[in-house]
Protein backbone atom coordinates (compact mmCIF):
# COMPACT_ATOMS: atom_id res chain seq x y z
CA MET A 1 41.37 -11.73 111.58
CA ILE A 2 39.75 -9.10 113.81
CA ALA A 3 42.92 -7.02 113.57
CA LEU A 4 42.37 -6.94 109.80
CA LEU A 5 39.11 -5.04 110.30
CA PHE A 6 40.75 -2.21 112.25
CA VAL A 7 43.88 -2.15 110.07
CA LEU A 8 41.64 -1.61 107.04
CA LEU A 9 39.60 1.02 108.90
CA PHE A 10 42.56 3.15 109.99
CA ALA A 11 44.39 2.66 106.67
CA LEU A 12 41.41 4.02 104.75
CA MET A 13 41.07 6.99 107.11
CA ALA A 14 44.81 7.66 106.80
CA VAL A 15 44.45 8.16 103.04
CA GLY A 16 41.57 10.59 103.49
CA VAL A 17 38.46 8.40 103.19
CA PRO A 18 35.61 9.85 105.34
CA VAL A 19 34.94 7.94 108.55
CA PHE A 20 31.59 6.50 107.44
CA GLY A 21 33.10 5.40 104.10
CA ALA A 22 36.09 3.80 105.80
CA MET A 23 33.81 1.95 108.23
CA ALA A 24 31.49 0.71 105.47
CA ALA A 25 34.34 -0.36 103.17
CA SER A 26 36.36 -2.11 105.88
CA GLY A 27 33.24 -3.85 107.20
CA MET A 28 32.23 -5.00 103.72
CA ALA A 29 35.77 -6.22 102.95
CA TYR A 30 35.87 -8.14 106.23
CA LEU A 31 32.55 -9.84 105.49
CA LEU A 32 33.74 -10.85 102.01
CA ILE A 33 37.16 -12.09 103.15
CA THR A 34 35.91 -14.10 106.14
CA GLY A 35 32.69 -15.29 104.52
CA ILE A 36 30.57 -14.69 107.61
CA GLY A 37 26.95 -13.77 106.94
CA GLN A 38 24.83 -13.78 103.80
CA PRO A 39 24.72 -11.36 100.83
CA THR A 40 21.92 -9.50 102.59
CA THR A 41 23.94 -9.11 105.80
CA LEU A 42 25.35 -5.67 104.93
CA PRO A 43 22.08 -3.81 104.21
CA THR A 44 20.29 -5.65 107.02
CA ALA A 45 22.97 -4.65 109.54
CA MET A 46 22.87 -1.03 108.36
CA VAL A 47 19.08 -0.86 108.69
CA ARG A 48 19.30 -2.39 112.15
CA GLY A 49 21.87 0.26 113.09
CA VAL A 50 19.31 3.04 112.65
CA SER A 51 16.24 1.10 113.80
CA ASN A 52 15.99 2.81 117.15
CA PHE A 53 13.17 5.26 117.89
CA GLU A 54 15.34 7.21 120.34
CA LEU A 55 17.70 8.13 117.50
CA LEU A 56 15.09 10.75 116.58
CA ALA A 57 16.29 12.73 119.60
CA ILE A 58 19.68 13.38 117.97
CA PRO A 59 18.46 15.80 115.23
CA PHE A 60 16.50 17.79 117.81
CA PHE A 61 19.48 18.07 120.17
CA ILE A 62 21.63 19.23 117.26
CA LEU A 63 18.94 21.72 116.26
CA VAL A 64 18.80 23.09 119.81
CA GLY A 65 22.53 23.79 119.57
CA GLU A 66 22.12 25.55 116.22
CA LEU A 67 19.26 27.67 117.55
CA MET A 68 21.22 28.54 120.68
CA ASN A 69 24.12 29.83 118.61
CA ARG A 70 21.83 32.00 116.47
CA SER A 71 19.59 33.29 119.28
CA GLY A 72 22.25 34.90 121.46
CA MET A 73 21.52 32.79 124.54
CA THR A 74 25.23 32.47 125.26
CA LEU A 75 25.53 36.26 125.46
CA ARG A 76 22.69 36.43 128.03
CA ILE A 77 24.42 33.88 130.25
CA ILE A 78 27.75 35.70 129.89
CA ASN A 79 26.09 38.97 130.95
CA LEU A 80 24.66 37.29 134.05
CA ILE A 81 28.03 35.89 135.16
CA LEU A 82 29.81 39.18 134.39
CA PHE A 83 27.26 41.05 136.50
CA PHE A 84 28.56 39.22 139.59
CA ILE A 85 32.29 38.72 138.89
CA GLY A 86 33.01 41.40 136.28
CA ARG A 87 35.30 43.39 138.58
CA VAL A 88 37.53 40.42 139.41
CA ARG A 89 40.91 40.55 137.67
CA GLY A 90 40.84 38.16 134.71
CA ALA A 91 37.04 38.05 134.82
CA LEU A 92 36.53 37.23 131.13
CA ALA A 93 38.77 34.15 131.42
CA TYR A 94 36.76 32.91 134.41
CA VAL A 95 33.52 33.71 132.57
CA SER A 96 34.64 31.55 129.63
CA VAL A 97 34.91 28.53 131.94
CA MET A 98 31.71 29.19 133.87
CA VAL A 99 29.55 29.94 130.83
CA SER A 100 30.59 26.62 129.30
CA LEU A 101 29.21 24.91 132.39
CA PHE A 102 25.85 26.70 132.19
CA ALA A 103 25.48 27.00 128.41
CA SER A 104 26.31 23.30 128.06
CA GLY A 105 22.84 22.50 129.27
CA ILE A 106 21.48 24.05 126.07
CA SER A 107 23.82 22.80 123.36
CA GLY A 108 25.44 19.65 124.79
CA SER A 109 28.07 19.92 122.04
CA ALA A 110 31.72 20.92 122.45
CA PRO A 111 32.11 22.48 118.98
CA ALA A 112 28.85 24.41 119.45
CA ASP A 113 30.02 25.71 122.82
CA ALA A 114 33.47 26.58 121.49
CA SER A 115 32.22 28.49 118.46
CA ALA A 116 29.47 30.32 120.37
CA VAL A 117 31.64 31.36 123.33
CA SER A 118 34.65 32.27 121.19
CA ALA A 119 32.54 34.40 118.84
CA VAL A 120 31.25 36.42 121.80
CA LEU A 121 34.28 36.56 124.12
CA MET A 122 37.30 36.70 121.79
CA PRO A 123 36.71 40.28 120.55
CA ALA A 124 36.25 41.50 124.13
CA MET A 125 39.30 39.58 125.38
CA ARG A 126 41.47 40.99 122.57
CA GLN A 127 40.27 44.51 123.38
CA GLU A 128 41.11 44.12 127.06
CA GLY A 129 44.65 42.96 126.32
CA TYR A 130 44.53 39.18 126.67
CA SER A 131 47.05 37.30 124.55
CA PRO A 132 44.94 35.94 121.63
CA PRO A 133 46.44 32.41 121.81
CA PHE A 134 45.86 32.28 125.59
CA ALA A 135 42.29 33.59 125.27
CA ALA A 136 41.56 31.04 122.54
CA ALA A 137 43.10 28.27 124.68
CA VAL A 138 40.80 29.16 127.59
CA ASN A 139 37.74 29.06 125.33
CA ALA A 140 38.78 25.75 123.76
CA SER A 141 39.61 24.06 127.08
CA SER A 142 36.42 25.16 128.79
CA ALA A 143 34.26 23.93 125.89
CA ILE A 144 34.81 20.28 126.88
CA ILE A 145 32.62 20.86 129.94
CA GLY A 146 29.50 21.18 127.77
CA PRO A 147 29.26 17.58 126.52
CA ILE A 148 29.87 16.23 130.05
CA MET A 149 27.23 18.32 131.83
CA PRO A 150 23.65 17.17 131.10
CA PRO A 151 21.94 17.15 128.72
CA SER A 152 24.84 15.75 126.73
CA ILE A 153 24.84 14.53 123.13
CA PRO A 154 27.81 12.13 123.63
CA MET A 155 26.04 10.60 126.65
CA ILE A 156 23.01 9.96 124.42
CA PHE A 157 25.27 8.21 121.90
CA VAL A 158 26.67 6.03 124.69
CA ALA A 159 23.15 5.18 125.88
CA LEU A 160 21.92 4.34 122.38
CA VAL A 161 24.75 1.91 121.56
CA THR A 162 24.88 0.25 125.00
CA ASN A 163 21.25 0.41 126.24
CA LEU A 164 22.37 2.18 129.41
CA SER A 165 20.00 4.60 131.16
CA ILE A 166 20.17 8.08 129.61
CA GLY A 167 19.03 9.61 132.89
CA GLN A 168 21.77 7.91 134.92
CA LEU A 169 24.43 8.87 132.38
CA PHE A 170 23.22 12.48 132.47
CA LEU A 171 23.43 12.61 136.26
CA GLY A 172 26.77 10.78 136.22
CA GLY A 173 28.24 13.65 134.24
CA VAL A 174 27.42 16.32 136.84
CA GLY A 175 30.22 15.47 139.30
CA PRO A 176 32.99 15.26 136.67
CA ALA A 177 31.78 18.47 134.99
CA LEU A 178 31.93 20.36 138.28
CA LEU A 179 35.35 18.88 139.12
CA LEU A 180 36.85 19.81 135.74
CA THR A 181 35.34 23.30 136.01
CA VAL A 182 37.07 23.80 139.36
CA ILE A 183 40.35 22.47 137.91
CA LEU A 184 40.24 24.95 135.02
CA LEU A 185 39.44 27.82 137.40
CA VAL A 186 42.41 26.82 139.59
CA VAL A 187 44.72 26.76 136.54
CA LEU A 188 43.55 30.29 135.67
CA TRP A 189 44.04 31.44 139.26
CA MET A 190 47.60 30.05 139.29
CA ARG A 191 48.34 31.84 136.02
CA GLY A 192 46.95 35.03 137.51
CA ARG A 193 49.49 34.78 140.33
CA ASN A 194 52.36 34.76 137.82
CA THR A 195 50.90 37.05 135.15
CA VAL A 196 48.90 40.26 135.49
CA MET A 197 45.42 39.48 134.15
CA PRO A 198 43.34 42.30 132.60
CA VAL A 199 40.43 43.94 134.42
CA THR A 200 37.08 44.11 132.61
CA ASP A 201 35.64 47.56 131.92
CA MET A 202 32.17 47.40 133.50
CA SER A 203 31.18 51.04 132.94
CA ALA A 204 28.92 50.21 129.98
CA ARG A 205 27.08 47.57 132.03
CA GLU A 206 26.48 49.57 135.22
CA SER A 207 23.12 50.86 133.97
CA THR A 208 21.81 47.33 133.38
CA SER A 209 19.51 46.17 136.17
CA LEU A 210 20.00 42.85 137.95
CA LYS A 211 16.36 41.96 137.25
CA ARG A 212 16.80 42.31 133.49
CA VAL A 213 20.07 40.34 133.39
CA VAL A 214 18.68 37.51 135.52
CA THR A 215 15.39 37.32 133.60
CA GLU A 216 17.08 37.08 130.20
CA ALA A 217 19.57 34.45 131.40
CA LEU A 218 16.99 32.34 133.23
CA LEU A 219 14.81 32.18 130.13
CA ALA A 220 17.83 30.76 128.27
CA MET A 221 18.63 28.25 131.01
CA LEU A 222 15.06 26.92 131.13
CA ALA A 223 15.81 24.76 128.07
CA PRO A 224 17.89 22.20 130.00
CA VAL A 225 15.30 22.25 132.78
CA ILE A 226 12.65 21.20 130.24
CA LEU A 227 14.89 18.41 128.93
CA LEU A 228 15.96 17.06 132.31
CA THR A 229 12.48 17.28 133.84
CA GLY A 230 11.06 15.18 131.04
CA VAL A 231 13.84 12.59 131.26
CA PHE A 232 13.85 12.18 135.05
CA THR A 233 10.11 12.28 135.68
CA GLY A 234 9.34 9.85 132.87
CA ILE A 235 6.43 11.95 131.60
CA ALA A 236 7.94 11.89 128.10
CA THR A 237 10.61 10.09 126.11
CA ILE A 238 13.97 11.69 125.36
CA THR A 239 12.78 12.28 121.78
CA GLU A 240 9.62 14.06 122.91
CA VAL A 241 11.37 16.35 125.39
CA ALA A 242 14.05 17.15 122.78
CA PHE A 243 11.27 18.26 120.43
CA VAL A 244 9.69 20.43 123.14
CA ALA A 245 13.07 22.01 123.98
CA THR A 246 13.66 22.76 120.30
CA ALA A 247 10.28 24.47 120.03
CA TYR A 248 10.99 26.46 123.22
CA VAL A 249 14.41 27.69 122.05
CA LEU A 250 12.97 28.59 118.64
CA LEU A 251 10.15 30.56 120.28
CA LEU A 252 12.65 32.32 122.53
CA GLY A 253 14.90 33.31 119.63
CA VAL A 254 12.06 34.44 117.33
CA GLY A 255 9.49 35.87 119.73
CA VAL A 256 11.31 36.98 122.90
CA TYR A 257 14.92 37.86 122.08
CA ARG A 258 14.04 38.57 118.42
CA THR A 259 17.54 37.57 117.35
CA ILE A 260 16.31 34.98 114.82
CA ALA A 261 14.42 36.26 111.78
CA LEU A 262 11.85 34.05 110.08
CA ARG A 263 13.99 34.08 106.92
CA ASP A 264 16.88 32.55 108.94
CA ILE A 265 14.92 29.46 110.01
CA PRO A 266 15.29 27.43 106.76
CA ALA A 267 19.10 27.86 106.88
CA ILE A 268 19.19 26.81 110.54
CA PHE A 269 17.12 23.71 109.83
CA ARG A 270 19.29 22.93 106.80
CA ASP A 271 22.51 23.09 108.85
CA GLY A 272 20.96 20.89 111.53
CA ALA A 273 19.77 18.38 108.93
CA VAL A 274 23.21 18.14 107.31
CA PHE A 275 24.92 17.44 110.64
CA SER A 276 22.17 15.00 111.67
CA SER A 277 22.54 13.07 108.42
CA THR A 278 26.24 12.50 109.07
CA VAL A 279 25.41 11.11 112.50
CA MET A 280 22.70 8.80 111.12
CA VAL A 281 25.06 7.46 108.45
CA LEU A 282 27.56 6.66 111.21
CA PHE A 283 24.90 4.76 113.16
CA ALA A 284 24.06 2.79 110.01
CA VAL A 285 27.63 1.68 109.34
CA VAL A 286 28.17 0.97 113.04
CA GLY A 287 25.45 -1.66 112.55
CA ILE A 288 27.96 -3.55 110.37
CA PHE A 289 30.59 -3.42 113.12
CA SER A 290 28.03 -4.55 115.70
CA TYR A 291 27.17 -7.56 113.55
CA ILE A 292 30.86 -8.47 113.12
CA ALA A 293 31.52 -7.99 116.84
CA ALA A 294 28.68 -10.36 117.71
CA ALA A 295 29.60 -12.94 115.04
CA GLU A 296 33.29 -12.98 116.02
CA ARG A 297 32.56 -12.72 119.75
CA MET A 298 34.88 -9.74 120.12
CA GLY A 299 33.66 -9.05 123.63
CA ASP A 300 34.54 -12.57 124.82
CA GLN A 301 37.95 -12.41 123.15
CA LEU A 302 38.71 -9.02 124.71
CA ALA A 303 37.56 -10.20 128.14
CA GLY A 304 39.83 -13.24 127.84
CA ALA A 305 42.81 -11.09 126.87
CA ILE A 306 42.23 -8.71 129.79
CA GLU A 307 41.85 -11.66 132.17
CA ARG A 308 45.20 -13.05 131.01
CA LEU A 309 46.82 -9.67 131.65
CA ASP A 310 45.40 -9.77 135.20
CA VAL A 311 45.19 -5.97 135.47
CA GLY A 312 41.96 -5.77 137.50
CA PRO A 313 39.22 -3.12 137.21
CA LEU A 314 41.51 -0.15 137.93
CA GLY A 315 44.16 -1.34 135.48
CA PHE A 316 41.49 -1.86 132.83
CA LEU A 317 40.17 1.69 133.29
CA LEU A 318 43.68 3.14 133.04
CA LEU A 319 44.38 1.04 129.92
CA THR A 320 41.09 2.28 128.48
CA MET A 321 42.15 5.87 129.15
CA VAL A 322 45.41 5.33 127.26
CA PHE A 323 43.57 3.48 124.47
CA PHE A 324 41.06 6.28 123.90
CA LEU A 325 43.85 8.85 124.10
CA ILE A 326 45.56 7.06 121.19
CA VAL A 327 42.27 6.55 119.32
CA GLY A 328 41.49 10.25 119.79
CA LEU A 329 44.62 11.15 117.84
CA VAL A 330 43.04 9.82 114.65
CA LEU A 331 39.30 9.48 115.35
CA ASP A 332 36.65 11.96 116.47
CA ALA A 333 34.60 11.35 119.62
CA VAL A 334 31.33 10.24 118.01
CA PRO A 335 32.70 7.39 115.84
CA ALA A 336 35.00 6.33 118.69
CA ILE A 337 31.96 5.93 120.97
CA LEU A 338 29.90 4.13 118.34
CA ILE A 339 32.68 1.70 117.36
CA PHE A 340 34.35 0.82 120.66
CA MET A 341 31.78 1.28 123.46
CA PRO A 342 29.70 -1.82 122.54
CA ILE A 343 32.92 -3.88 122.50
CA LEU A 344 34.53 -2.55 125.69
CA LEU A 345 31.50 -2.20 127.99
CA PRO A 346 30.80 -5.96 128.43
CA THR A 347 34.45 -6.48 129.41
CA ALA A 348 34.26 -3.63 131.91
CA MET A 349 31.13 -5.11 133.48
CA THR A 350 32.77 -8.57 133.63
CA LEU A 351 35.60 -7.01 135.65
CA GLY A 352 33.11 -5.39 138.04
CA VAL A 353 33.35 -1.83 136.70
CA ASP A 354 30.08 0.07 137.07
CA PRO A 355 28.71 0.65 133.53
CA ILE A 356 27.64 4.25 134.27
CA HIS A 357 31.08 5.03 135.67
CA PHE A 358 32.71 3.49 132.61
CA GLY A 359 30.46 5.35 130.15
CA VAL A 360 31.12 8.71 131.78
CA VAL A 361 34.89 8.06 131.97
CA VAL A 362 34.95 7.30 128.24
CA VAL A 363 33.04 10.51 127.41
CA VAL A 364 35.34 12.63 129.61
CA ASN A 365 38.37 10.95 128.03
CA LEU A 366 37.18 11.62 124.49
CA MET A 367 36.22 15.22 125.26
CA ILE A 368 39.74 15.91 126.53
CA GLY A 369 40.96 14.18 123.37
CA LEU A 370 39.25 16.94 121.36
CA LEU A 371 42.08 19.18 122.60
CA THR A 372 44.88 16.91 121.38
CA PRO A 373 46.27 17.12 117.83
CA PRO A 374 46.37 15.97 115.08
CA VAL A 375 42.54 15.61 115.01
CA GLY A 376 41.91 18.07 117.87
CA ALA A 377 38.49 19.14 116.59
CA LEU A 378 38.11 21.86 119.21
CA LEU A 379 41.51 23.31 118.38
CA TYR A 380 40.57 23.64 114.72
CA VAL A 381 37.18 25.21 115.51
CA VAL A 382 38.57 27.76 117.97
CA SER A 383 41.62 28.49 115.78
CA LYS A 384 39.30 29.33 112.88
CA VAL A 385 36.77 31.36 114.89
CA SER A 386 39.45 33.23 116.85
CA ARG A 387 41.84 33.69 113.90
CA VAL A 388 44.74 32.33 115.96
CA SER A 389 47.60 30.12 114.75
CA PHE A 390 46.88 26.43 115.35
CA VAL A 391 50.43 25.86 116.67
CA ALA A 392 50.27 28.82 119.08
CA LEU A 393 46.86 27.71 120.31
CA THR A 394 48.05 24.14 120.87
CA ARG A 395 51.03 25.39 122.90
CA GLN A 396 48.84 27.56 125.15
CA THR A 397 46.33 24.72 125.63
CA LEU A 398 48.95 22.28 126.97
CA PRO A 399 48.77 23.30 130.70
CA PHE A 400 44.98 22.97 130.62
CA VAL A 401 45.17 19.53 128.95
CA VAL A 402 47.64 18.25 131.57
CA ALA A 403 45.38 19.48 134.38
CA LEU A 404 42.29 17.95 132.75
CA PHE A 405 43.99 14.56 132.38
CA ALA A 406 44.91 14.74 136.07
CA GLY A 407 41.22 15.32 136.76
CA LEU A 408 40.33 12.30 134.61
CA VAL A 409 42.66 10.11 136.69
CA VAL A 410 40.89 11.33 139.84
CA ILE A 411 37.50 10.47 138.28
CA ILE A 412 38.79 6.97 137.50
CA LEU A 413 40.21 6.45 141.01
CA VAL A 414 37.12 7.83 142.79
CA PRO A 415 33.97 6.35 141.15
CA GLY A 416 31.81 8.19 143.67
CA ILE A 417 32.41 11.44 141.76
CA VAL A 418 30.33 9.92 138.96
CA LEU A 419 27.97 7.64 140.88
CA TRP A 420 26.85 9.68 143.89
CA LEU A 421 24.08 11.56 142.08
CA PRO A 422 22.69 8.65 139.98
CA GLU A 423 22.59 6.48 143.12
CA LEU A 424 20.89 9.27 145.08
CA VAL A 425 18.17 9.82 142.46
CA PHE A 426 17.64 6.29 141.11
CA ARG A 427 18.16 4.16 144.22
């Protein structure tokens, strides 16, 4: 009968029903068909799904990303990196990867990173002679680093639905983010050996002082410092530090950079509220799935099935990678985390897989999945912002995706890449 739930879910999504509607309808149908629960089960489960104080952090994190995009913080970080490597052949391609690592600490969102970086870098890369599909592919591929490097919105989702430590998940993402950054830089270097990469014209930037470039960029990068300091010292909750970071970024955009006008603020808050509402609706309908999973003992059934397969911890992680790769073809990262993490994590822990390692592996897996069609959310965002054909972009992204999946396998095989920093800080 459990298969019926997911058959209904994916069938409804296949005919164009929004994810939250498909989840609510399939959950309601399952409750009616099986007869588990009472008439009040559905609304009670939905209320329970959003009855978590830490969910208040999500709107503030989303708002930080919106403010970052409008305030020009990405441009300041790009200028800092260009100041040091601007004369290297192919500098703008390398900058795209590196700025995603540093700017990720502000937005924590792959689409936010992709749209912000592409909007700034694509015109310059076109002007310098980069192939538009290749330039767009670099920007799309590098954007997955953002949600892995702390502070990360997907990591917060994982923590909220599994009760894992947000701080440990944040730190667990540092190693994989650095590894994937190096992998992307190596792919670019190998391409540079076979293809002549353009050289950036730095003449217009020579008059800019190092002090000014560093000051402007450091002010932008203080936002993640505020967030992480609050989380790791325990002086404030994740919700409180998210609020402080939002206020800081708003002050920076309005009062220091002066790139956000007061008349723009209502529109920014409106966009953040719309996105936040979609996330909250998802958490509500996930409450239905959580109730069904507990009532039907999905975790026990899955653990029994895995035990009969006798694949062991490593085999389970590799199966999970394939599973989320398939799920990512039809489902975005956020609903995939909310639906499947509470079901799969208990099985992983039963097999002896470290929960922090498992959570980070799932996030990395789903972020790479953002580059795979037909859903491929990052491909659609970058294709639209860069005005590049979706097919051409997908073709140019393929070498990066293969390299990133190789990196994911390394992260699975070597748990220390994830666990070294959490164990160092929280031991």
